Amino acid sequence: MKKVYIIYAVFLLLLAIFVCFKFSIIGVTADGLEHNVRESQKIDDSWHVSKSVTDNVGALLFYDKHLNNFTYSIYLNRKGFSFGYFFCSGGSTSSISDGVRAFDYDNSIAFISMNNVNVSRIECGSKNRLTQRTVYTIEPGKPFAIVIPIIDENVTVKIYNQNGNEIPITEISNIN
C-alpha cells in the first residue's frame, strides 16, 4: 500500500513540474539573467555587459570591446502566478546604437544605449513631489542599461549629455 502512495506522490510531483514548464510559470532568477542570456544567445564571455534589474524588469546590454557589436535583452517578472523573469525582447537596433531606446513596462522604464550621444545623466522628477528629484549618473561614451522605477504617472524623465544639452529618447516601446 505504501508503494502506491509513493508512486502517486512521484507522479503528482512530475505532473506539477510539467505544468510549471508547460505554462511558463517558472522563469529565470535575477541573479541568473546574465548567464541565461549568454547561454541562450551564445554571447561570448569576452563581451562586456551593462545590466540593471528591478522587481519587475531586467535590462541587459552586451557589447564587444571595440563597441562595434552589441545585443540587448529585456526580461519581465510577470504579474500574477509566476516566478522569475521571462524573456520579452532582444536583438540590436539603430535606436540603441545611435541614441537612447526606452522600454516602458508597468511601474518601470528601461533605458538602453551604446551611448554614442554621450549621455552623462538621467534626471527623474514628479510634479507631485517637487522637492524629490533623482539623478542617475552615466559615464559619457560608455554603453548603459538602466531600469528606473516610476513612482507615479506624473514622472518626467530628462536625459542630458556631457555638455548639459537635453537628449531626446530615440524610441519608446510599451511592453507587456
C-alpha atoms as a PDB file:
ATOM      1  CA  MET A   1       0.000   0.000   0.000  1.00  0.00           C
ATOM      2  CA  LYS A   2       2.894   2.386   0.771  1.00  0.00           C
ATOM      3  CA  LYS A   3       4.312   1.763  -2.694  1.00  0.00           C
ATOM      4  CA  VAL A   4       1.078   3.006  -4.255  1.00  0.00           C
ATOM      5  CA  TYR A   5       1.247   6.268  -2.257  1.00  0.00           C
ATOM      6  CA  ILE A   6       4.886   6.776  -3.211  1.00  0.00           C
ATOM      7  CA  ILE A   7       4.083   6.179  -6.894  1.00  0.00           C
ATOM      8  CA  TYR A   8       1.171   8.664  -6.699  1.00  0.00           C
ATOM      9  CA  ALA A   9       3.367  11.235  -4.944  1.00  0.00           C
ATOM     10  CA  VAL A  10       6.107  10.915  -7.565  1.00  0.00           C
ATOM     11  CA  PHE A  11       3.534  11.108 -10.363  1.00  0.00           C
ATOM     12  CA  LEU A  12       1.952  14.262  -8.889  1.00  0.00           C
ATOM     13  CA  LEU A  13       5.357  15.869  -8.436  1.00  0.00           C
ATOM     14  CA  LEU A  14       6.317  15.163 -12.051  1.00  0.00           C
ATOM     15  CA  LEU A  15       2.918  16.427 -13.215  1.00  0.00           C
ATOM     16  CA  ALA A  16       3.363  19.660 -11.226  1.00  0.00           C
ATOM     17  CA  ILE A  17       6.828  20.207 -12.730  1.00  0.00           C
ATOM     18  CA  PHE A  18       5.472  19.572 -16.238  1.00  0.00           C
ATOM     19  CA  VAL A  19       2.604  22.042 -15.709  1.00  0.00           C
ATOM     20  CA  CYS A  20       5.014  24.709 -14.429  1.00  0.00           C
ATOM     21  CA  PHE A  21       7.175  24.475 -17.531  1.00  0.00           C
ATOM     22  CA  LYS A  22       4.276  23.996 -19.958  1.00  0.00           C
ATOM     23  CA  PHE A  23       2.546  27.167 -18.827  1.00  0.00           C
ATOM     24  CA  SER A  24       5.767  29.136 -18.285  1.00  0.00           C
ATOM     25  CA  ILE A  25       5.301  29.670 -14.584  1.00  0.00           C
ATOM     26  CA  ILE A  26       8.966  29.326 -13.653  1.00  0.00           C
ATOM     27  CA  GLY A  27      11.401  31.820 -15.155  1.00  0.00           C
ATOM     28  CA  VAL A  28      14.999  32.859 -14.550  1.00  0.00           C
ATOM     29  CA  THR A  29      16.167  34.298 -11.230  1.00  0.00           C
ATOM     30  CA  ALA A  30      17.519  37.856 -11.151  1.00  0.00           C
ATOM     31  CA  ASP A  31      20.991  36.503 -10.402  1.00  0.00           C
ATOM     32  CA  GLY A  32      20.796  34.081 -13.343  1.00  0.00           C
ATOM     33  CA  LEU A  33      19.786  36.571 -16.053  1.00  0.00           C
ATOM     34  CA  GLU A  34      23.271  37.254 -17.433  1.00  0.00           C
ATOM     35  CA  HIS A  35      24.164  33.562 -17.597  1.00  0.00           C
ATOM     36  CA  ASN A  36      20.822  32.741 -19.232  1.00  0.00           C
ATOM     37  CA  VAL A  37      21.278  35.379 -21.945  1.00  0.00           C
ATOM     38  CA  ARG A  38      24.882  34.394 -22.649  1.00  0.00           C
ATOM     39  CA  GLU A  39      23.889  30.751 -22.937  1.00  0.00           C
ATOM     40  CA  SER A  40      20.676  31.137 -24.946  1.00  0.00           C
ATOM     41  CA  GLN A  41      22.048  33.772 -27.342  1.00  0.00           C
ATOM     42  CA  LYS A  42      25.566  32.282 -27.446  1.00  0.00           C
ATOM     43  CA  ILE A  43      27.250  35.517 -26.335  1.00  0.00           C
ATOM     44  CA  ASP A  44      30.992  35.235 -25.880  1.00  0.00           C
ATOM     45  CA  ASP A  45      32.372  35.659 -22.347  1.00  0.00           C
ATOM     46  CA  SER A  46      34.723  38.376 -23.620  1.00  0.00           C
ATOM     47  CA  TRP A  47      31.776  40.697 -24.289  1.00  0.00           C
ATOM     48  CA  HIS A  48      31.067  43.284 -21.596  1.00  0.00           C
ATOM     49  CA  VAL A  49      27.638  43.667 -20.026  1.00  0.00           C
ATOM     50  CA  SER A  50      25.697  46.545 -18.575  1.00  0.00           C
ATOM     51  CA  LYS A  51      22.670  45.374 -16.656  1.00  0.00           C
ATOM     52  CA  SER A  52      20.008  46.693 -14.370  1.00  0.00           C
ATOM     53  CA  VAL A  53      17.316  44.666 -12.630  1.00  0.00           C
ATOM     54  CA  THR A  54      14.323  45.811 -10.588  1.00  0.00           C
ATOM     55  CA  ASP A  55      11.465  43.799  -9.108  1.00  0.00           C
ATOM     56  CA  ASN A  56       9.676  43.659 -12.456  1.00  0.00           C
ATOM     57  CA  VAL A  57      12.203  44.367 -15.278  1.00  0.00           C
ATOM     58  CA  GLY A  58      15.671  43.172 -16.194  1.00  0.00           C
ATOM     59  CA  ALA A  59      17.592  45.046 -18.910  1.00  0.00           C
ATOM     60  CA  LEU A  60      20.907  43.757 -20.243  1.00  0.00           C
ATOM     61  CA  LEU A  61      23.184  45.195 -22.917  1.00  0.00           C
ATOM     62  CA  PHE A  62      26.096  43.072 -24.173  1.00  0.00           C
ATOM     63  CA  TYR A  63      28.840  44.619 -26.326  1.00  0.00           C
ATOM     64  CA  ASP A  64      32.303  43.798 -27.628  1.00  0.00           C
ATOM     65  CA  LYS A  65      35.448  45.629 -26.525  1.00  0.00           C
ATOM     66  CA  HIS A  66      35.546  47.735 -29.718  1.00  0.00           C
ATOM     67  CA  LEU A  67      31.901  48.845 -29.247  1.00  0.00           C
ATOM     68  CA  ASN A  68      31.139  47.655 -32.799  1.00  0.00           C
ATOM     69  CA  ASN A  69      28.715  44.846 -31.990  1.00  0.00           C
ATOM     70  CA  PHE A  70      26.006  44.609 -29.375  1.00  0.00           C
ATOM     71  CA  THR A  71      22.813  42.859 -28.396  1.00  0.00           C
ATOM     72  CA  TYR A  72      20.230  43.658 -25.755  1.00  0.00           C
ATOM     73  CA  SER A  73      17.707  41.611 -23.792  1.00  0.00           C
ATOM     74  CA  ILE A  74      14.662  42.656 -21.805  1.00  0.00           C
ATOM     75  CA  TYR A  75      13.210  40.287 -19.218  1.00  0.00           C
ATOM     76  CA  LEU A  76       9.941  40.781 -17.345  1.00  0.00           C
ATOM     77  CA  ASN A  77       8.820  39.480 -14.000  1.00  0.00           C
ATOM     78  CA  ARG A  78       5.169  38.889 -14.837  1.00  0.00           C
ATOM     79  CA  LYS A  79       2.309  39.833 -12.587  1.00  0.00           C
ATOM     80  CA  GLY A  80       0.254  37.044 -11.116  1.00  0.00           C
ATOM     81  CA  PHE A  81       1.203  33.436 -10.580  1.00  0.00           C
ATOM     82  CA  SER A  82       4.739  33.132 -11.934  1.00  0.00           C
ATOM     83  CA  PHE A  83       8.229  33.016 -10.507  1.00  0.00           C
ATOM     84  CA  GLY A  84      11.276  34.690 -12.006  1.00  0.00           C
ATOM     85  CA  TYR A  85      11.950  36.707 -15.138  1.00  0.00           C
ATOM     86  CA  PHE A  86      10.867  35.810 -18.672  1.00  0.00           C
ATOM     87  CA  PHE A  87      12.449  36.896 -21.966  1.00  0.00           C
ATOM     88  CA  CYS A  88      10.428  39.633 -23.662  1.00  0.00           C
ATOM     89  CA  SER A  89      12.568  41.402 -26.267  1.00  0.00           C
ATOM     90  CA  GLY A  90      16.078  41.351 -27.648  1.00  0.00           C
ATOM     91  CA  GLY A  91      18.375  41.983 -30.570  1.00  0.00           C
ATOM     92  CA  SER A  92      20.178  45.047 -31.864  1.00  0.00           C
ATOM     93  CA  THR A  93      18.643  48.175 -33.375  1.00  0.00           C
ATOM     94  CA  SER A  94      19.849  51.522 -34.603  1.00  0.00           C
ATOM     95  CA  SER A  95      17.790  53.246 -31.903  1.00  0.00           C
ATOM     96  CA  ILE A  96      20.219  51.764 -29.360  1.00  0.00           C
ATOM     97  CA  SER A  97      23.413  52.338 -31.343  1.00  0.00           C
ATOM     98  CA  ASP A  98      22.555  55.896 -32.425  1.00  0.00           C
ATOM     99  CA  GLY A  99      20.505  57.125 -29.473  1.00  0.00           C
ATOM    100  CA  VAL A 100      18.602  56.020 -26.372  1.00  0.00           C
ATOM    101  CA  ARG A 101      15.820  53.456 -26.529  1.00  0.00           C
ATOM    102  CA  ALA A 102      13.246  53.161 -23.750  1.00  0.00           C
ATOM    103  CA  PHE A 103      11.129  50.150 -22.785  1.00  0.00           C
ATOM    104  CA  ASP A 104       8.099  51.011 -20.656  1.00  0.00           C
ATOM    105  CA  TYR A 105       6.564  48.273 -18.510  1.00  0.00           C
ATOM    106  CA  ASP A 106       4.249  48.543 -15.540  1.00  0.00           C
ATOM    107  CA  ASN A 107       5.978  50.783 -12.958  1.00  0.00           C
ATOM    108  CA  SER A 108       9.433  50.786 -14.573  1.00  0.00           C
ATOM    109  CA  ILE A 109      11.157  52.145 -17.639  1.00  0.00           C
ATOM    110  CA  ALA A 110      14.371  50.680 -19.024  1.00  0.00           C
ATOM    111  CA  PHE A 111      16.832  52.838 -20.964  1.00  0.00           C
ATOM    112  CA  ILE A 112      19.412  51.159 -23.211  1.00  0.00           C
ATOM    113  CA  SER A 113      22.071  52.859 -25.299  1.00  0.00           C
ATOM    114  CA  MET A 114      25.505  52.285 -26.772  1.00  0.00           C
ATOM    115  CA  ASN A 115      25.920  55.906 -25.661  1.00  0.00           C
ATOM    116  CA  ASN A 116      27.255  57.387 -28.874  1.00  0.00           C
ATOM    117  CA  VAL A 117      25.333  60.542 -27.862  1.00  0.00           C
ATOM    118  CA  ASN A 118      27.442  60.856 -24.664  1.00  0.00           C
ATOM    119  CA  VAL A 119      24.673  60.685 -22.071  1.00  0.00           C
ATOM    120  CA  SER A 120      26.040  61.778 -18.700  1.00  0.00           C
ATOM    121  CA  ARG A 121      22.925  61.857 -16.536  1.00  0.00           C
ATOM    122  CA  ILE A 122      19.265  60.943 -16.379  1.00  0.00           C
ATOM    123  CA  GLU A 123      17.009  63.043 -14.166  1.00  0.00           C
ATOM    124  CA  CYS A 124      13.621  61.911 -12.890  1.00  0.00           C
ATOM    125  CA  GLY A 125      11.152  64.080 -11.079  1.00  0.00           C
ATOM    126  CA  SER A 126       7.477  64.248 -10.363  1.00  0.00           C
ATOM    127  CA  LYS A 127       5.129  67.201 -10.473  1.00  0.00           C
ATOM    128  CA  ASN A 128       3.525  65.729  -7.354  1.00  0.00           C
ATOM    129  CA  ARG A 129       6.856  65.730  -5.479  1.00  0.00           C
ATOM    130  CA  LEU A 130       8.616  68.920  -6.490  1.00  0.00           C
ATOM    131  CA  THR A 131      11.427  68.583  -3.970  1.00  0.00           C
ATOM    132  CA  GLN A 132      12.279  64.986  -4.803  1.00  0.00           C
ATOM    133  CA  ARG A 133      14.417  64.616  -7.929  1.00  0.00           C
ATOM    134  CA  THR A 134      16.529  61.537  -8.643  1.00  0.00           C
ATOM    135  CA  VAL A 135      19.679  61.815 -10.754  1.00  0.00           C
ATOM    136  CA  TYR A 136      21.344  58.781 -12.335  1.00  0.00           C
ATOM    137  CA  THR A 137      24.947  59.409 -13.386  1.00  0.00           C
ATOM    138  CA  ILE A 138      26.210  57.759 -16.584  1.00  0.00           C
ATOM    139  CA  GLU A 139      29.779  57.696 -17.869  1.00  0.00           C
ATOM    140  CA  PRO A 140      29.769  59.587 -21.213  1.00  0.00           C
ATOM    141  CA  GLY A 141      30.575  57.305 -24.146  1.00  0.00           C
ATOM    142  CA  LYS A 142      30.097  54.102 -22.117  1.00  0.00           C
ATOM    143  CA  PRO A 143      27.166  51.825 -23.070  1.00  0.00           C
ATOM    144  CA  PHE A 144      24.445  51.509 -20.449  1.00  0.00           C
ATOM    145  CA  ALA A 145      21.279  49.698 -19.490  1.00  0.00           C
ATOM    146  CA  ILE A 146      19.371  51.177 -16.579  1.00  0.00           C
ATOM    147  CA  VAL A 147      15.910  50.452 -15.217  1.00  0.00           C
ATOM    148  CA  ILE A 148      14.214  53.271 -13.354  1.00  0.00           C
ATOM    149  CA  PRO A 149      11.170  52.754 -11.136  1.00  0.00           C
ATOM    150  CA  ILE A 150       8.248  55.045 -11.904  1.00  0.00           C
ATOM    151  CA  ILE A 151       6.694  56.352  -8.685  1.00  0.00           C
ATOM    152  CA  ASP A 152       3.588  57.932 -10.206  1.00  0.00           C
ATOM    153  CA  GLU A 153       2.046  58.856 -13.574  1.00  0.00           C
ATOM    154  CA  ASN A 154       3.396  62.425 -13.386  1.00  0.00           C
ATOM    155  CA  VAL A 155       7.075  61.449 -13.535  1.00  0.00           C
ATOM    156  CA  THR A 156       9.192  63.286 -16.080  1.00  0.00           C
ATOM    157  CA  VAL A 157      12.458  61.868 -17.328  1.00  0.00           C
ATOM    158  CA  LYS A 158      15.104  64.040 -18.923  1.00  0.00           C
ATOM    159  CA  ILE A 159      18.361  62.815 -20.411  1.00  0.00           C
ATOM    160  CA  TYR A 160      21.405  65.079 -20.710  1.00  0.00           C
ATOM    161  CA  ASN A 161      24.743  64.759 -22.482  1.00  0.00           C
ATOM    162  CA  GLN A 162      28.106  65.788 -21.050  1.00  0.00           C
ATOM    163  CA  ASN A 163      27.602  69.381 -22.263  1.00  0.00           C
ATOM    164  CA  GLY A 164      24.287  69.706 -20.412  1.00  0.00           C
ATOM    165  CA  ASN A 165      22.162  69.519 -23.575  1.00  0.00           C
ATOM    166  CA  GLU A 166      18.954  67.520 -23.374  1.00  0.00           C
ATOM    167  CA  ILE A 167      18.967  64.318 -25.448  1.00  0.00           C
ATOM    168  CA  PRO A 168      15.648  63.022 -26.826  1.00  0.00           C
ATOM    169  CA  ILE A 169      14.625  59.401 -26.410  1.00  0.00           C
ATOM    170  CA  THR A 170      15.035  57.800 -29.845  1.00  0.00           C
ATOM    171  CA  GLU A 171      12.283  55.200 -29.464  1.00  0.00           C
ATOM    172  CA  ILE A 172       9.835  54.180 -26.727  1.00  0.00           C
ATOM    173  CA  SER A 173       8.358  50.689 -26.661  1.00  0.00           C
ATOM    174  CA  ASN A 174       5.469  49.732 -24.405  1.00  0.00           C
ATOM    175  CA  ILE A 175       5.912  46.097 -23.481  1.00  0.00           C
ATOM    176  CA  ASN A 176       3.527  43.674 -21.839  1.00  0.00           C
END
